[in-house]
Amino acid sequence: MAKKVLIVYAHESPASFNAAAKDAAVAALTAQGCTVEVSDLYAMKFKAAATTEDITGGVKDAENFCYAKEIKLASEEGRLADDIKKEQEKLKEADLVIFQFPMYWSSVPAIMKGWMDRVLGFAYAQEKWYSEGIFKDKKAMLSFTTDCPESVYSDTGINGDINVTLWPLQNGILNYCGFQVFAPQIFWDPATGSPESRSSMLEGWRTRLQNLCGEAPVYFAPLDYFDKEKGFLLKPEVKEKYASKECGLTVGIHMGKPLPANSQTKAGV
């Protein structure tokens, strides 16, 4: 089991199901001997906007300000704002990062997106990314609630396939930074469920946490599948390898074929 866990938590109410899920994770992981730290973003009044205020001592190119480049330089020179430094220290120590939140507009709440922008921002401008990213030795996962039943996010539901919804978060942010990404823990519409169903959801979460780090991560195409000299397109030999496959390689890299089923919600698909 991961020895050090960081839970990045975004919900204002201590009476919420998200709070209960967070507390269940803290208790279950602590019982296994893990050191668990929680970044309670609302309680911290964490600043969501990524701005020049995140850099002390001024920016290098104010006229052509680029946040990713400036934050990378500031990180290398020790000129980041204190709140970013503190979160990056937590991240540096963590073996596993769990993001606990209610789904807003098919994504994370603004305050959590701000954490990702500001705390992970320096990673965006690194030369190593995806399977060679700077957090390749760390694991991460999303744990979230919805305000609708699972059917709404099915491949025939009005919001569309949840695997497509998760692709920008799990691939575009977590995998981009190099994290090994565990399948998400999704709590479908707990607000309208019975007390018994909510208790069952939490018990399932506790059970999963007992063996979480024994799970295989979600599959993403490795960086060496792509040709840097040709705009990071799939290499011909990779395209040939998957040409006869019924489904595409991943949700985003589908090669004009049907999407691989459940590839963002189940391990190793």
C-alpha atoms as a PDB file:
ATOM      1  CA  MET A   1       0.000   0.000   0.000  1.00  0.00           C
ATOM      2  CA  ALA A   2       1.108   3.577  -0.647  1.00  0.00           C
ATOM      3  CA  LYS A   3       2.695   4.890   2.548  1.00  0.00           C
ATOM      4  CA  LYS A   4       1.916   8.564   2.025  1.00  0.00           C
ATOM      5  CA  VAL A   5      -1.416   9.712   0.649  1.00  0.00           C
ATOM      6  CA  LEU A   6      -2.581  13.206  -0.227  1.00  0.00           C
ATOM      7  CA  ILE A   7      -6.336  13.797  -0.515  1.00  0.00           C
ATOM      8  CA  VAL A   8      -7.208  16.984  -2.387  1.00  0.00           C
ATOM      9  CA  TYR A   9     -10.730  17.690  -1.203  1.00  0.00           C
ATOM     10  CA  ALA A  10     -13.275  20.166  -2.561  1.00  0.00           C
ATOM     11  CA  HIS A  11     -16.597  20.508  -0.761  1.00  0.00           C
ATOM     12  CA  GLU A  12     -17.738  23.214   1.632  1.00  0.00           C
ATOM     13  CA  SER A  13     -20.120  21.166   3.776  1.00  0.00           C
ATOM     14  CA  PRO A  14     -18.835  18.810   6.495  1.00  0.00           C
ATOM     15  CA  ALA A  15     -22.252  17.107   6.329  1.00  0.00           C
ATOM     16  CA  SER A  16     -21.903  16.239   2.622  1.00  0.00           C
ATOM     17  CA  PHE A  17     -21.463  12.784   1.158  1.00  0.00           C
ATOM     18  CA  ASN A  18     -18.123  13.978  -0.222  1.00  0.00           C
ATOM     19  CA  ALA A  19     -17.023  14.711   3.336  1.00  0.00           C
ATOM     20  CA  ALA A  20     -18.113  11.221   4.364  1.00  0.00           C
ATOM     21  CA  ALA A  21     -16.175   9.700   1.444  1.00  0.00           C
ATOM     22  CA  LYS A  22     -13.112  11.730   2.391  1.00  0.00           C
ATOM     23  CA  ASP A  23     -13.385  10.713   6.038  1.00  0.00           C
ATOM     24  CA  ALA A  24     -13.863   7.064   5.076  1.00  0.00           C
ATOM     25  CA  ALA A  25     -10.688   7.189   2.988  1.00  0.00           C
ATOM     26  CA  VAL A  26      -8.692   8.833   5.777  1.00  0.00           C
ATOM     27  CA  ALA A  27      -9.836   6.212   8.287  1.00  0.00           C
ATOM     28  CA  ALA A  28      -9.335   3.223   5.976  1.00  0.00           C
ATOM     29  CA  LEU A  29      -5.900   4.305   4.779  1.00  0.00           C
ATOM     30  CA  THR A  30      -4.704   5.281   8.254  1.00  0.00           C
ATOM     31  CA  ALA A  31      -5.779   1.871   9.546  1.00  0.00           C
ATOM     32  CA  GLN A  32      -3.474   0.325   6.937  1.00  0.00           C
ATOM     33  CA  GLY A  33      -0.519   2.300   8.279  1.00  0.00           C
ATOM     34  CA  CYS A  34      -0.561   5.081   5.712  1.00  0.00           C
ATOM     35  CA  THR A  35       0.199   8.694   6.502  1.00  0.00           C
ATOM     36  CA  VAL A  36      -2.725  10.676   5.123  1.00  0.00           C
ATOM     37  CA  GLU A  37      -2.793  14.431   4.576  1.00  0.00           C
ATOM     38  CA  VAL A  38      -5.864  16.343   3.415  1.00  0.00           C
ATOM     39  CA  SER A  39      -5.825  19.599   1.491  1.00  0.00           C
ATOM     40  CA  ASP A  40      -9.292  20.956   2.271  1.00  0.00           C
ATOM     41  CA  LEU A  41      -9.425  23.591  -0.438  1.00  0.00           C
ATOM     42  CA  TYR A  42     -12.468  25.527   0.767  1.00  0.00           C
ATOM     43  CA  ALA A  43     -11.267  25.561   4.373  1.00  0.00           C
ATOM     44  CA  MET A  44      -7.885  26.775   3.122  1.00  0.00           C
ATOM     45  CA  LYS A  45      -9.589  29.422   0.971  1.00  0.00           C
ATOM     46  CA  PHE A  46      -7.294  28.241  -1.801  1.00  0.00           C
ATOM     47  CA  LYS A  47      -6.907  30.764  -4.626  1.00  0.00           C
ATOM     48  CA  ALA A  48      -8.260  29.272  -7.836  1.00  0.00           C
ATOM     49  CA  ALA A  49      -7.045  31.804 -10.411  1.00  0.00           C
ATOM     50  CA  ALA A  50      -3.628  31.243 -11.984  1.00  0.00           C
ATOM     51  CA  THR A  51      -2.123  34.743 -12.191  1.00  0.00           C
ATOM     52  CA  THR A  52       1.135  36.677 -11.987  1.00  0.00           C
ATOM     53  CA  GLU A  53       0.579  36.793  -8.210  1.00  0.00           C
ATOM     54  CA  ASP A  54       1.732  33.162  -8.139  1.00  0.00           C
ATOM     55  CA  ILE A  55       5.279  34.344  -8.925  1.00  0.00           C
ATOM     56  CA  THR A  56       7.316  36.366  -6.471  1.00  0.00           C
ATOM     57  CA  GLY A  57       9.882  38.901  -7.645  1.00  0.00           C
ATOM     58  CA  GLY A  58       8.107  39.667 -10.904  1.00  0.00           C
ATOM     59  CA  VAL A  59       7.740  37.797 -14.177  1.00  0.00           C
ATOM     60  CA  LYS A  60      10.462  37.507 -16.821  1.00  0.00           C
ATOM     61  CA  ASP A  61       8.361  38.606 -19.785  1.00  0.00           C
ATOM     62  CA  ALA A  62       5.422  40.743 -18.687  1.00  0.00           C
ATOM     63  CA  GLU A  63       4.621  41.880 -22.221  1.00  0.00           C
ATOM     64  CA  ASN A  64       4.198  38.339 -23.528  1.00  0.00           C
ATOM     65  CA  PHE A  65       3.135  36.634 -20.307  1.00  0.00           C
ATOM     66  CA  CYS A  66       2.881  32.841 -20.533  1.00  0.00           C
ATOM     67  CA  TYR A  67       1.822  31.239 -17.265  1.00  0.00           C
ATOM     68  CA  ALA A  68       3.294  27.789 -17.974  1.00  0.00           C
ATOM     69  CA  LYS A  69       6.739  29.141 -18.882  1.00  0.00           C
ATOM     70  CA  GLU A  70       6.844  31.681 -16.061  1.00  0.00           C
ATOM     71  CA  ILE A  71       5.699  29.166 -13.439  1.00  0.00           C
ATOM     72  CA  LYS A  72       8.352  26.684 -14.585  1.00  0.00           C
ATOM     73  CA  LEU A  73      11.082  29.306 -14.238  1.00  0.00           C
ATOM     74  CA  ALA A  74       9.731  30.454 -10.889  1.00  0.00           C
ATOM     75  CA  SER A  75       9.693  26.859  -9.672  1.00  0.00           C
ATOM     76  CA  GLU A  76      13.305  26.328 -10.689  1.00  0.00           C
ATOM     77  CA  GLU A  77      14.334  29.576  -9.014  1.00  0.00           C
ATOM     78  CA  GLY A  78      12.267  29.135  -5.838  1.00  0.00           C
ATOM     79  CA  ARG A  79       9.987  32.093  -6.572  1.00  0.00           C
ATOM     80  CA  LEU A  80       6.554  30.487  -6.270  1.00  0.00           C
ATOM     81  CA  ALA A  81       3.841  31.825  -3.971  1.00  0.00           C
ATOM     82  CA  ASP A  82       3.823  30.221  -0.535  1.00  0.00           C
ATOM     83  CA  ASP A  83       0.498  28.432  -0.967  1.00  0.00           C
ATOM     84  CA  ILE A  84       1.767  26.716  -4.136  1.00  0.00           C
ATOM     85  CA  LYS A  85       5.035  25.743  -2.441  1.00  0.00           C
ATOM     86  CA  LYS A  86       3.168  24.134   0.451  1.00  0.00           C
ATOM     87  CA  GLU A  87       0.973  22.082  -1.860  1.00  0.00           C
ATOM     88  CA  GLN A  88       3.910  21.020  -4.004  1.00  0.00           C
ATOM     89  CA  GLU A  89       5.732  19.822  -0.886  1.00  0.00           C
ATOM     90  CA  LYS A  90       2.718  17.680  -0.006  1.00  0.00           C
ATOM     91  CA  LEU A  91       2.646  16.377  -3.572  1.00  0.00           C
ATOM     92  CA  LYS A  92       6.369  15.632  -3.530  1.00  0.00           C
ATOM     93  CA  GLU A  93       5.959  13.458  -0.438  1.00  0.00           C
ATOM     94  CA  ALA A  94       2.847  11.609  -1.607  1.00  0.00           C
ATOM     95  CA  ASP A  95       2.858   8.175  -3.203  1.00  0.00           C
ATOM     96  CA  LEU A  96      -0.843   8.411  -4.000  1.00  0.00           C
ATOM     97  CA  VAL A  97      -3.070  11.448  -4.657  1.00  0.00           C
ATOM     98  CA  ILE A  98      -6.856  11.157  -4.378  1.00  0.00           C
ATOM     99  CA  PHE A  99      -9.045  13.970  -5.710  1.00  0.00           C
ATOM    100  CA  GLN A 100     -12.378  13.980  -3.841  1.00  0.00           C
ATOM    101  CA  PHE A 101     -15.078  16.264  -5.248  1.00  0.00           C
ATOM    102  CA  PRO A 102     -18.639  16.664  -6.525  1.00  0.00           C
ATOM    103  CA  MET A 103     -18.789  16.696 -10.315  1.00  0.00           C
ATOM    104  CA  TYR A 104     -19.589  20.210 -11.569  1.00  0.00           C
ATOM    105  CA  TRP A 105     -20.486  20.729 -15.228  1.00  0.00           C
ATOM    106  CA  SER A 106     -19.000  17.315 -16.079  1.00  0.00           C
ATOM    107  CA  SER A 107     -15.687  18.339 -14.524  1.00  0.00           C
ATOM    108  CA  VAL A 108     -14.103  19.363 -11.228  1.00  0.00           C
ATOM    109  CA  PRO A 109     -15.167  22.409  -9.147  1.00  0.00           C
ATOM    110  CA  ALA A 110     -13.343  25.638 -10.021  1.00  0.00           C
ATOM    111  CA  ILE A 111     -11.343  25.600  -6.797  1.00  0.00           C
ATOM    112  CA  MET A 112      -9.971  22.132  -7.597  1.00  0.00           C
ATOM    113  CA  LYS A 113      -9.220  23.090 -11.194  1.00  0.00           C
ATOM    114  CA  GLY A 114      -7.333  26.035  -9.722  1.00  0.00           C
ATOM    115  CA  TRP A 115      -5.297  23.643  -7.575  1.00  0.00           C
ATOM    116  CA  MET A 116      -4.449  21.638 -10.694  1.00  0.00           C
ATOM    117  CA  ASP A 117      -3.577  24.763 -12.692  1.00  0.00           C
ATOM    118  CA  ARG A 118      -1.399  26.309  -9.996  1.00  0.00           C
ATOM    119  CA  VAL A 119       0.159  23.308  -8.233  1.00  0.00           C
ATOM    120  CA  LEU A 120       0.683  21.150 -11.325  1.00  0.00           C
ATOM    121  CA  GLY A 121       1.262  24.126 -13.612  1.00  0.00           C
ATOM    122  CA  PHE A 122       5.045  23.855 -13.637  1.00  0.00           C
ATOM    123  CA  ALA A 123       4.748  20.291 -14.978  1.00  0.00           C
ATOM    124  CA  TYR A 124       3.028  21.506 -18.144  1.00  0.00           C
ATOM    125  CA  ALA A 125       6.185  23.120 -19.512  1.00  0.00           C
ATOM    126  CA  GLN A 126       8.497  20.206 -18.699  1.00  0.00           C
ATOM    127  CA  GLU A 127      10.258  18.290 -21.452  1.00  0.00           C
ATOM    128  CA  LYS A 128       9.042  14.999 -19.998  1.00  0.00           C
ATOM    129  CA  TRP A 129       5.338  14.255 -20.149  1.00  0.00           C
ATOM    130  CA  TYR A 130       2.775  11.461 -20.366  1.00  0.00           C
ATOM    131  CA  SER A 131       4.405   8.062 -19.628  1.00  0.00           C
ATOM    132  CA  GLU A 132       7.723   9.842 -19.033  1.00  0.00           C
ATOM    133  CA  GLY A 133       6.207  12.661 -16.969  1.00  0.00           C
ATOM    134  CA  ILE A 134       7.718  13.958 -13.758  1.00  0.00           C
ATOM    135  CA  PHE A 135       5.182  12.102 -11.581  1.00  0.00           C
ATOM    136  CA  LYS A 136       5.580   8.724 -13.274  1.00  0.00           C
ATOM    137  CA  ASP A 137       6.414   7.057  -9.947  1.00  0.00           C
ATOM    138  CA  LYS A 138       3.239   8.337  -8.300  1.00  0.00           C
ATOM    139  CA  LYS A 139      -0.353   7.187  -8.479  1.00  0.00           C
ATOM    140  CA  ALA A 140      -3.502   9.289  -8.649  1.00  0.00           C
ATOM    141  CA  MET A 141      -7.244   8.837  -8.908  1.00  0.00           C
ATOM    142  CA  LEU A 142     -10.541  10.698  -9.029  1.00  0.00           C
ATOM    143  CA  SER A 143     -13.250  10.006  -6.454  1.00  0.00           C
ATOM    144  CA  PHE A 144     -16.430  11.961  -7.046  1.00  0.00           C
ATOM    145  CA  THR A 145     -20.175  12.228  -6.677  1.00  0.00           C
ATOM    146  CA  THR A 146     -22.736  12.967  -9.369  1.00  0.00           C
ATOM    147  CA  ASP A 147     -26.210  14.478  -9.130  1.00  0.00           C
ATOM    148  CA  CYS A 148     -27.673  12.001 -11.589  1.00  0.00           C
ATOM    149  CA  PRO A 149     -27.954   8.221 -12.065  1.00  0.00           C
ATOM    150  CA  GLU A 150     -25.387   6.259 -14.021  1.00  0.00           C
ATOM    151  CA  SER A 151     -27.715   5.978 -17.017  1.00  0.00           C
ATOM    152  CA  VAL A 152     -27.337   9.714 -17.722  1.00  0.00           C
ATOM    153  CA  TYR A 153     -23.622   9.190 -18.394  1.00  0.00           C
ATOM    154  CA  SER A 154     -24.021   6.025 -20.474  1.00  0.00           C
ATOM    155  CA  ASP A 155     -23.330   5.685 -24.195  1.00  0.00           C
ATOM    156  CA  THR A 156     -27.042   6.191 -24.844  1.00  0.00           C
ATOM    157  CA  GLY A 157     -27.622   8.718 -22.028  1.00  0.00           C
ATOM    158  CA  ILE A 158     -28.181  12.425 -22.535  1.00  0.00           C
ATOM    159  CA  ASN A 159     -24.800  13.466 -21.071  1.00  0.00           C
ATOM    160  CA  GLY A 160     -22.926  10.877 -23.098  1.00  0.00           C
ATOM    161  CA  ASP A 161     -20.391   8.213 -22.196  1.00  0.00           C
ATOM    162  CA  ILE A 162     -18.659   8.875 -18.852  1.00  0.00           C
ATOM    163  CA  ASN A 163     -15.441   7.537 -20.394  1.00  0.00           C
ATOM    164  CA  VAL A 164     -15.437  10.482 -22.811  1.00  0.00           C
ATOM    165  CA  THR A 165     -16.167  12.901 -19.969  1.00  0.00           C
ATOM    166  CA  LEU A 166     -13.207  11.585 -17.964  1.00  0.00           C
ATOM    167  CA  TRP A 167     -10.672  11.696 -20.789  1.00  0.00           C
ATOM    168  CA  PRO A 168      -9.652  15.379 -20.409  1.00  0.00           C
ATOM    169  CA  LEU A 169      -9.133  14.965 -16.654  1.00  0.00           C
ATOM    170  CA  GLN A 170      -7.491  11.576 -16.543  1.00  0.00           C
ATOM    171  CA  ASN A 171      -5.469  11.840 -19.741  1.00  0.00           C
ATOM    172  CA  GLY A 172      -5.103  15.573 -20.293  1.00  0.00           C
ATOM    173  CA  ILE A 173      -4.057  16.359 -16.708  1.00  0.00           C
ATOM    174  CA  LEU A 174      -3.103  13.297 -14.654  1.00  0.00           C
ATOM    175  CA  ASN A 175      -1.570  11.104 -17.348  1.00  0.00           C
ATOM    176  CA  TYR A 176       0.040  14.161 -18.958  1.00  0.00           C
ATOM    177  CA  CYS A 177       1.924  14.760 -15.699  1.00  0.00           C
ATOM    178  CA  GLY A 178       3.006  11.116 -15.631  1.00  0.00           C
ATOM    179  CA  PHE A 179       0.734   9.806 -12.888  1.00  0.00           C
ATOM    180  CA  GLN A 180      -0.301   6.168 -12.993  1.00  0.00           C
ATOM    181  CA  VAL A 181      -4.071   6.646 -12.899  1.00  0.00           C
ATOM    182  CA  PHE A 182      -6.354   4.290 -11.028  1.00  0.00           C
ATOM    183  CA  ALA A 183      -9.916   3.806 -12.234  1.00  0.00           C
ATOM    184  CA  PRO A 184     -12.189   6.431 -10.651  1.00  0.00           C
ATOM    185  CA  GLN A 185     -14.440   5.848  -7.681  1.00  0.00           C
ATOM    186  CA  ILE A 186     -17.826   7.136  -8.812  1.00  0.00           C
ATOM    187  CA  PHE A 187     -20.657   7.636  -6.364  1.00  0.00           C
ATOM    188  CA  TRP A 188     -23.764   7.840  -8.521  1.00  0.00           C
ATOM    189  CA  ASP A 189     -26.386  10.292  -7.228  1.00  0.00           C
ATOM    190  CA  PRO A 190     -25.990   9.668  -3.486  1.00  0.00           C
ATOM    191  CA  ALA A 191     -28.218  12.636  -2.609  1.00  0.00           C
ATOM    192  CA  THR A 192     -31.392  10.878  -3.790  1.00  0.00           C
ATOM    193  CA  GLY A 193     -30.482   7.465  -2.455  1.00  0.00           C
ATOM    194  CA  SER A 194     -31.597   5.903   0.808  1.00  0.00           C
ATOM    195  CA  PRO A 195     -29.394   6.003   3.911  1.00  0.00           C
ATOM    196  CA  GLU A 196     -28.775   2.311   3.353  1.00  0.00           C
ATOM    197  CA  SER A 197     -27.590   2.877  -0.224  1.00  0.00           C
ATOM    198  CA  ARG A 198     -25.231   5.648   0.879  1.00  0.00           C
ATOM    199  CA  SER A 199     -23.830   3.417   3.609  1.00  0.00           C
ATOM    200  CA  SER A 200     -23.331   0.683   1.038  1.00  0.00           C
ATOM    201  CA  MET A 201     -21.469   3.092  -1.253  1.00  0.00           C
ATOM    202  CA  LEU A 202     -19.110   4.067   1.550  1.00  0.00           C
ATOM    203  CA  GLU A 203     -18.538   0.456   2.564  1.00  0.00           C
ATOM    204  CA  GLY A 204     -17.659  -0.393  -1.030  1.00  0.00           C
ATOM    205  CA  TRP A 205     -15.143   2.485  -1.020  1.00  0.00           C
ATOM    206  CA  ARG A 206     -13.566   1.251   2.222  1.00  0.00           C
ATOM    207  CA  THR A 207     -13.293  -2.251   0.792  1.00  0.00           C
ATOM    208  CA  ARG A 208     -11.687  -1.016  -2.404  1.00  0.00           C
ATOM    209  CA  LEU A 209      -9.142   1.044  -0.479  1.00  0.00           C
ATOM    210  CA  GLN A 210      -7.865  -2.080   1.256  1.00  0.00           C
ATOM    211  CA  ASN A 211      -6.418  -3.340  -2.024  1.00  0.00           C
ATOM    212  CA  LEU A 212      -6.236  -0.160  -4.086  1.00  0.00           C
ATOM    213  CA  CYS A 213      -2.532  -0.182  -4.841  1.00  0.00           C
ATOM    214  CA  GLY A 214      -2.770  -3.760  -6.016  1.00  0.00           C
ATOM    215  CA  GLU A 215      -4.993  -2.642  -8.870  1.00  0.00           C
ATOM    216  CA  ALA A 216      -3.673  -2.134 -12.382  1.00  0.00           C
ATOM    217  CA  PRO A 217      -3.901   1.461 -13.599  1.00  0.00           C
ATOM    218  CA  VAL A 218      -6.077   2.694 -16.439  1.00  0.00           C
ATOM    219  CA  TYR A 219      -4.410   2.131 -19.810  1.00  0.00           C
ATOM    220  CA  PHE A 220      -2.958   5.016 -21.798  1.00  0.00           C
ATOM    221  CA  ALA A 221      -0.836   4.784 -24.928  1.00  0.00           C
ATOM    222  CA  PRO A 222       2.835   5.263 -23.982  1.00  0.00           C
ATOM    223  CA  LEU A 223       4.801   8.241 -25.272  1.00  0.00           C
ATOM    224  CA  ASP A 224       7.016   6.085 -27.460  1.00  0.00           C
ATOM    225  CA  TYR A 225       3.988   5.163 -29.598  1.00  0.00           C
ATOM    226  CA  PHE A 226       4.181   8.647 -31.109  1.00  0.00           C
ATOM    227  CA  ASP A 227       6.620  10.233 -33.553  1.00  0.00           C
ATOM    228  CA  LYS A 228       7.933  13.522 -32.167  1.00  0.00           C
ATOM    229  CA  GLU A 229       9.362  14.530 -35.530  1.00  0.00           C
ATOM    230  CA  LYS A 230       5.944  14.196 -37.178  1.00  0.00           C
ATOM    231  CA  GLY A 231       3.830  16.177 -34.743  1.00  0.00           C
ATOM    232  CA  PHE A 232       3.404  13.329 -32.259  1.00  0.00           C
ATOM    233  CA  LEU A 233       1.301  11.213 -34.601  1.00  0.00           C
ATOM    234  CA  LEU A 234       1.080   7.467 -34.031  1.00  0.00           C
ATOM    235  CA  LYS A 235       4.078   5.696 -35.519  1.00  0.00           C
ATOM    236  CA  PRO A 236       3.296   3.602 -38.632  1.00  0.00           C
ATOM    237  CA  GLU A 237       4.179   0.346 -36.892  1.00  0.00           C
ATOM    238  CA  VAL A 238       1.748   1.122 -34.068  1.00  0.00           C
ATOM    239  CA  LYS A 239      -1.025   1.959 -36.521  1.00  0.00           C
ATOM    240  CA  GLU A 240      -0.339  -1.309 -38.330  1.00  0.00           C
ATOM    241  CA  LYS A 241      -0.410  -3.243 -35.053  1.00  0.00           C
ATOM    242  CA  TYR A 242      -3.855  -1.909 -34.186  1.00  0.00           C
ATOM    243  CA  ALA A 243      -5.268  -1.787 -37.722  1.00  0.00           C
ATOM    244  CA  SER A 244      -7.089  -5.085 -37.349  1.00  0.00           C
ATOM    245  CA  LYS A 245      -8.438  -4.326 -33.878  1.00  0.00           C
ATOM    246  CA  GLU A 246     -12.174  -3.799 -33.551  1.00  0.00           C
ATOM    247  CA  CYS A 247     -11.825  -0.757 -31.304  1.00  0.00           C
ATOM    248  CA  GLY A 248      -9.541   2.241 -31.190  1.00  0.00           C
ATOM    249  CA  LEU A 249      -6.465   2.478 -28.997  1.00  0.00           C
ATOM    250  CA  THR A 250      -8.004   4.763 -26.377  1.00  0.00           C
ATOM    251  CA  VAL A 251     -10.942   7.140 -25.986  1.00  0.00           C
ATOM    252  CA  GLY A 252      -9.037  10.043 -27.543  1.00  0.00           C
ATOM    253  CA  ILE A 253      -6.816   8.057 -29.912  1.00  0.00           C
ATOM    254  CA  HIS A 254      -9.633   6.038 -31.445  1.00  0.00           C
ATOM    255  CA  MET A 255      -8.243   5.889 -35.005  1.00  0.00           C
ATOM    256  CA  GLY A 256     -11.739   6.385 -36.407  1.00  0.00           C
ATOM    257  CA  LYS A 257     -12.983   3.179 -34.754  1.00  0.00           C
ATOM    258  CA  PRO A 258     -15.479   2.471 -31.970  1.00  0.00           C
ATOM    259  CA  LEU A 259     -14.216   3.549 -28.575  1.00  0.00           C
ATOM    260  CA  PRO A 260     -12.815   0.846 -26.288  1.00  0.00           C
ATOM    261  CA  ALA A 261     -15.575   0.204 -23.748  1.00  0.00           C
ATOM    262  CA  ASN A 262     -14.994   1.361 -20.151  1.00  0.00           C
ATOM    263  CA  SER A 263     -11.385   2.246 -20.843  1.00  0.00           C
ATOM    264  CA  GLN A 264     -11.451   5.216 -18.436  1.00  0.00           C
ATOM    265  CA  THR A 265     -13.510   3.536 -15.729  1.00  0.00           C
ATOM    266  CA  LYS A 266     -11.890   0.112 -15.466  1.00  0.00           C
ATOM    267  CA  ALA A 267      -8.299  -0.945 -14.963  1.00  0.00           C
ATOM    268  CA  GLY A 268      -6.148  -2.039 -17.869  1.00  0.00           C
ATOM    269  CA  VAL A 269      -8.893  -1.929 -20.545  1.00  0.00           C
END
